[in-house]
Amino acid sequence: MILCQCHNSSLLSSKPGVILDQSQSSAQHEGLERSRKRRQPELTCAQPQKEMKFGEVTVYLVERRMGKSRRNFLTSLARSKGFCVDNNLSSNVTHIVAEDNPAHELWPWLQEQGIENLSRMNVVDITWFTQSMRAGRPIPVETEHWIQEGWPVAN
């Protein structure tokens, strides 16, 4: 049991590792139990990982159409192989990876994000990512990997 401070009184949780918030503490007082999924902290490249082998490559995985759980899985996979994955789209990103995002939808969304050096980033399909994971290193970006439709391509 875990001792928890809510409303200036001590509450006990019957589940190890669970910290009660105000709504949960009220429910506990009323004899109601609520089950909640634990939120995993979002990791950034600056947080510890297995070993960053490829410092020259920083990947951003576009969650649109990919889904949060798949993005989390792919992030963990990439980090376990030594890739730097940033959860924030910033000017530090070198490769933007998208899955099932057509260019005519993705590029306007990317431009709305206000990234200054977007034209120098590699905006690639998930195939680049999966081939890189299979190779255990970032593979060179080829024309087949680019997501383009009359938009600038990284040089």
C-alpha atoms as a PDB file:
ATOM      1  CA  MET A   1       0.000   0.000   0.000  1.00  0.00           C
ATOM      2  CA  ILE A   2       1.138   3.511  -0.801  1.00  0.00           C
ATOM      3  CA  LEU A   3       0.609   6.501   1.426  1.00  0.00           C
ATOM      4  CA  CYS A   4      -0.696   9.442  -0.546  1.00  0.00           C
ATOM      5  CA  GLN A   5      -1.344  13.047   0.467  1.00  0.00           C
ATOM      6  CA  CYS A   6      -4.594  14.479  -0.928  1.00  0.00           C
ATOM      7  CA  HIS A   7      -6.786  17.202   0.598  1.00  0.00           C
ATOM      8  CA  ASN A   8      -4.327  17.420   3.516  1.00  0.00           C
ATOM      9  CA  SER A   9      -5.224  13.876   4.588  1.00  0.00           C
ATOM     10  CA  SER A  10      -3.543  10.542   4.090  1.00  0.00           C
ATOM     11  CA  LEU A  11      -5.059   8.028   1.692  1.00  0.00           C
ATOM     12  CA  LEU A  12      -3.997   4.488   1.036  1.00  0.00           C
ATOM     13  CA  SER A  13      -4.002   2.992  -2.417  1.00  0.00           C
ATOM     14  CA  SER A  14      -4.377  -0.756  -2.682  1.00  0.00           C
ATOM     15  CA  LYS A  15      -2.417  -0.794  -5.953  1.00  0.00           C
ATOM     16  CA  PRO A  16       1.376  -0.498  -5.763  1.00  0.00           C
ATOM     17  CA  GLY A  17       2.789   2.399  -7.755  1.00  0.00           C
ATOM     18  CA  VAL A  18      -0.554   4.222  -8.040  1.00  0.00           C
ATOM     19  CA  ILE A  19      -0.729   7.810  -6.869  1.00  0.00           C
ATOM     20  CA  LEU A  20      -4.196   9.164  -6.341  1.00  0.00           C
ATOM     21  CA  ASP A  21      -5.298  12.526  -7.697  1.00  0.00           C
ATOM     22  CA  GLN A  22      -8.168  14.628  -6.331  1.00  0.00           C
ATOM     23  CA  SER A  23     -10.887  12.870  -8.346  1.00  0.00           C
ATOM     24  CA  GLN A  24      -9.550   9.473  -7.328  1.00  0.00           C
ATOM     25  CA  SER A  25      -9.292  10.492  -3.680  1.00  0.00           C
ATOM     26  CA  SER A  26     -12.957  11.545  -3.684  1.00  0.00           C
ATOM     27  CA  ALA A  27     -13.905   8.225  -5.223  1.00  0.00           C
ATOM     28  CA  GLN A  28     -11.867   6.382  -2.603  1.00  0.00           C
ATOM     29  CA  HIS A  29     -13.611   8.330   0.158  1.00  0.00           C
ATOM     30  CA  GLU A  30     -16.974   7.290  -1.320  1.00  0.00           C
ATOM     31  CA  GLY A  31     -15.866   3.660  -1.588  1.00  0.00           C
ATOM     32  CA  LEU A  32     -15.688   3.737  -5.384  1.00  0.00           C
ATOM     33  CA  GLU A  33     -12.699   2.351  -7.229  1.00  0.00           C
ATOM     34  CA  ARG A  34     -11.540   3.723 -10.533  1.00  0.00           C
ATOM     35  CA  SER A  35      -9.039   2.059 -12.752  1.00  0.00           C
ATOM     36  CA  ARG A  36      -6.819   4.209 -14.909  1.00  0.00           C
ATOM     37  CA  LYS A  37      -4.050   3.445 -17.286  1.00  0.00           C
ATOM     38  CA  ARG A  38      -0.706   4.727 -16.189  1.00  0.00           C
ATOM     39  CA  ARG A  39       0.672   7.356 -18.469  1.00  0.00           C
ATOM     40  CA  GLN A  40       4.146   6.707 -19.725  1.00  0.00           C
ATOM     41  CA  PRO A  41       6.402   9.735 -19.676  1.00  0.00           C
ATOM     42  CA  GLU A  42       7.261  11.075 -23.093  1.00  0.00           C
ATOM     43  CA  LEU A  43      10.915  10.640 -23.875  1.00  0.00           C
ATOM     44  CA  THR A  44      13.063  13.034 -25.793  1.00  0.00           C
ATOM     45  CA  CYS A  45      16.438  12.486 -27.328  1.00  0.00           C
ATOM     46  CA  ALA A  46      18.088  14.175 -24.357  1.00  0.00           C
ATOM     47  CA  GLN A  47      16.821  11.495 -21.989  1.00  0.00           C
ATOM     48  CA  PRO A  48      18.923   8.382 -21.383  1.00  0.00           C
ATOM     49  CA  GLN A  49      18.658   5.640 -23.935  1.00  0.00           C
ATOM     50  CA  LYS A  50      20.557   2.481 -24.676  1.00  0.00           C
ATOM     51  CA  GLU A  51      23.327   4.131 -26.699  1.00  0.00           C
ATOM     52  CA  MET A  52      23.045   6.846 -29.320  1.00  0.00           C
ATOM     53  CA  LYS A  53      25.141   5.572 -32.217  1.00  0.00           C
ATOM     54  CA  PHE A  54      23.903   7.907 -34.937  1.00  0.00           C
ATOM     55  CA  GLY A  55      24.147  11.451 -33.601  1.00  0.00           C
ATOM     56  CA  GLU A  56      24.044  12.933 -37.086  1.00  0.00           C
ATOM     57  CA  VAL A  57      20.460  11.691 -37.574  1.00  0.00           C
ATOM     58  CA  THR A  58      17.493  12.893 -35.517  1.00  0.00           C
ATOM     59  CA  VAL A  59      14.166  11.321 -36.418  1.00  0.00           C
ATOM     60  CA  TYR A  60      10.694  12.720 -35.860  1.00  0.00           C
ATOM     61  CA  LEU A  61       7.800  10.269 -36.303  1.00  0.00           C
ATOM     62  CA  VAL A  62       4.589  11.954 -37.487  1.00  0.00           C
ATOM     63  CA  GLU A  63       1.759  10.620 -35.352  1.00  0.00           C
ATOM     64  CA  ARG A  64      -0.965  11.629 -37.842  1.00  0.00           C
ATOM     65  CA  ARG A  65      -2.508   8.409 -39.188  1.00  0.00           C
ATOM     66  CA  MET A  66       0.173   6.331 -37.448  1.00  0.00           C
ATOM     67  CA  GLY A  67      -1.423   6.375 -34.022  1.00  0.00           C
ATOM     68  CA  LYS A  68       0.129   6.938 -30.622  1.00  0.00           C
ATOM     69  CA  SER A  69       0.771   3.300 -29.688  1.00  0.00           C
ATOM     70  CA  ARG A  70       2.500   2.531 -33.001  1.00  0.00           C
ATOM     71  CA  ARG A  71       4.538   5.717 -32.708  1.00  0.00           C
ATOM     72  CA  ASN A  72       5.606   4.750 -29.174  1.00  0.00           C
ATOM     73  CA  PHE A  73       6.558   1.255 -30.359  1.00  0.00           C
ATOM     74  CA  LEU A  74       8.596   2.585 -33.299  1.00  0.00           C
ATOM     75  CA  THR A  75      10.247   5.187 -31.066  1.00  0.00           C
ATOM     76  CA  SER A  76      11.336   2.483 -28.621  1.00  0.00           C
ATOM     77  CA  LEU A  77      12.589   0.300 -31.448  1.00  0.00           C
ATOM     78  CA  ALA A  78      14.638   3.112 -32.983  1.00  0.00           C
ATOM     79  CA  ARG A  79      16.133   4.142 -29.655  1.00  0.00           C
ATOM     80  CA  SER A  80      17.064   0.539 -28.867  1.00  0.00           C
ATOM     81  CA  LYS A  81      19.054   0.497 -32.113  1.00  0.00           C
ATOM     82  CA  GLY A  82      20.891   3.733 -31.280  1.00  0.00           C
ATOM     83  CA  PHE A  83      18.793   6.265 -33.203  1.00  0.00           C
ATOM     84  CA  CYS A  84      17.938   9.654 -31.755  1.00  0.00           C
ATOM     85  CA  VAL A  85      14.161  10.172 -31.885  1.00  0.00           C
ATOM     86  CA  ASP A  86      12.753  13.553 -30.953  1.00  0.00           C
ATOM     87  CA  ASN A  87       9.121  13.823 -29.845  1.00  0.00           C
ATOM     88  CA  ASN A  88       9.050  17.472 -30.876  1.00  0.00           C
ATOM     89  CA  LEU A  89       9.259  18.677 -34.438  1.00  0.00           C
ATOM     90  CA  SER A  90      12.100  21.171 -34.286  1.00  0.00           C
ATOM     91  CA  SER A  91      14.997  22.452 -36.360  1.00  0.00           C
ATOM     92  CA  ASN A  92      17.165  19.687 -34.810  1.00  0.00           C
ATOM     93  CA  VAL A  93      15.256  17.022 -36.755  1.00  0.00           C
ATOM     94  CA  THR A  94      16.980  15.671 -39.862  1.00  0.00           C
ATOM     95  CA  HIS A  95      14.402  13.050 -40.921  1.00  0.00           C
ATOM     96  CA  ILE A  96      10.624  13.397 -40.698  1.00  0.00           C
ATOM     97  CA  VAL A  97       9.022   9.959 -41.045  1.00  0.00           C
ATOM     98  CA  ALA A  98       5.358   9.607 -41.970  1.00  0.00           C
ATOM     99  CA  GLU A  99       3.122   6.610 -42.576  1.00  0.00           C
ATOM    100  CA  ASP A 100       0.018   6.687 -44.789  1.00  0.00           C
ATOM    101  CA  ASN A 101       0.204  10.464 -45.159  1.00  0.00           C
ATOM    102  CA  PRO A 102      -0.193  11.614 -48.760  1.00  0.00           C
ATOM    103  CA  ALA A 103       2.063  14.500 -49.744  1.00  0.00           C
ATOM    104  CA  HIS A 104      -0.874  16.841 -50.462  1.00  0.00           C
ATOM    105  CA  GLU A 105      -1.972  16.489 -46.801  1.00  0.00           C
ATOM    106  CA  LEU A 106       1.409  16.139 -45.095  1.00  0.00           C
ATOM    107  CA  TRP A 107       3.269  19.117 -46.590  1.00  0.00           C
ATOM    108  CA  PRO A 108       0.652  21.748 -45.694  1.00  0.00           C
ATOM    109  CA  TRP A 109       0.533  20.316 -42.143  1.00  0.00           C
ATOM    110  CA  LEU A 110       4.334  20.464 -41.889  1.00  0.00           C
ATOM    111  CA  GLN A 111       4.375  24.056 -43.113  1.00  0.00           C
ATOM    112  CA  GLU A 112       1.781  24.993 -40.481  1.00  0.00           C
ATOM    113  CA  GLN A 113       4.233  23.794 -37.813  1.00  0.00           C
ATOM    114  CA  GLY A 114       6.496  26.769 -38.603  1.00  0.00           C
ATOM    115  CA  ILE A 115       9.807  24.917 -38.889  1.00  0.00           C
ATOM    116  CA  GLU A 116      12.429  27.229 -40.396  1.00  0.00           C
ATOM    117  CA  ASN A 117      14.623  24.710 -42.215  1.00  0.00           C
ATOM    118  CA  LEU A 118      11.892  22.368 -43.447  1.00  0.00           C
ATOM    119  CA  SER A 119      13.236  22.465 -47.003  1.00  0.00           C
ATOM    120  CA  ARG A 120      16.546  20.964 -45.775  1.00  0.00           C
ATOM    121  CA  MET A 121      14.908  18.084 -43.870  1.00  0.00           C
ATOM    122  CA  ASN A 122      14.380  14.634 -45.323  1.00  0.00           C
ATOM    123  CA  VAL A 123      10.623  14.060 -45.353  1.00  0.00           C
ATOM    124  CA  VAL A 124      10.412  10.320 -45.880  1.00  0.00           C
ATOM    125  CA  ASP A 125       7.974   7.463 -45.950  1.00  0.00           C
ATOM    126  CA  ILE A 126       7.968   4.739 -43.307  1.00  0.00           C
ATOM    127  CA  THR A 127       9.876   2.485 -45.763  1.00  0.00           C
ATOM    128  CA  TRP A 128      13.073   4.453 -45.070  1.00  0.00           C
ATOM    129  CA  PHE A 129      12.559   3.896 -41.356  1.00  0.00           C
ATOM    130  CA  THR A 130      11.841   0.155 -41.631  1.00  0.00           C
ATOM    131  CA  GLN A 131      14.783  -0.395 -43.979  1.00  0.00           C
ATOM    132  CA  SER A 132      17.019   1.526 -41.581  1.00  0.00           C
ATOM    133  CA  MET A 133      15.801  -0.585 -38.645  1.00  0.00           C
ATOM    134  CA  ARG A 134      16.473  -3.746 -40.631  1.00  0.00           C
ATOM    135  CA  ALA A 135      19.982  -2.526 -41.535  1.00  0.00           C
ATOM    136  CA  GLY A 136      20.646  -1.401 -37.953  1.00  0.00           C
ATOM    137  CA  ARG A 137      21.785   2.009 -39.168  1.00  0.00           C
ATOM    138  CA  PRO A 138      20.361   4.975 -41.099  1.00  0.00           C
ATOM    139  CA  ILE A 139      20.387   4.095 -44.776  1.00  0.00           C
ATOM    140  CA  PRO A 140      20.909   6.744 -47.458  1.00  0.00           C
ATOM    141  CA  VAL A 141      17.687   8.481 -48.490  1.00  0.00           C
ATOM    142  CA  GLU A 142      16.738   7.596 -52.044  1.00  0.00           C
ATOM    143  CA  THR A 143      14.084   9.078 -54.304  1.00  0.00           C
ATOM    144  CA  GLU A 144      11.689   6.231 -53.485  1.00  0.00           C
ATOM    145  CA  HIS A 145      11.706   7.257 -49.806  1.00  0.00           C
ATOM    146  CA  TRP A 146      10.808  10.927 -50.264  1.00  0.00           C
ATOM    147  CA  ILE A 147       7.285  12.134 -49.725  1.00  0.00           C
ATOM    148  CA  GLN A 148       6.968  14.809 -52.355  1.00  0.00           C
ATOM    149  CA  GLU A 149       4.410  16.338 -54.651  1.00  0.00           C
ATOM    150  CA  GLY A 150       5.721  19.547 -56.062  1.00  0.00           C
ATOM    151  CA  TRP A 151       7.223  20.499 -52.683  1.00  0.00           C
ATOM    152  CA  PRO A 152      10.847  21.139 -51.781  1.00  0.00           C
ATOM    153  CA  VAL A 153      13.088  18.130 -51.284  1.00  0.00           C
ATOM    154  CA  ALA A 154      16.087  18.029 -48.955  1.00  0.00           C
ATOM    155  CA  ASN A 155      19.495  18.147 -50.629  1.00  0.00           C
END
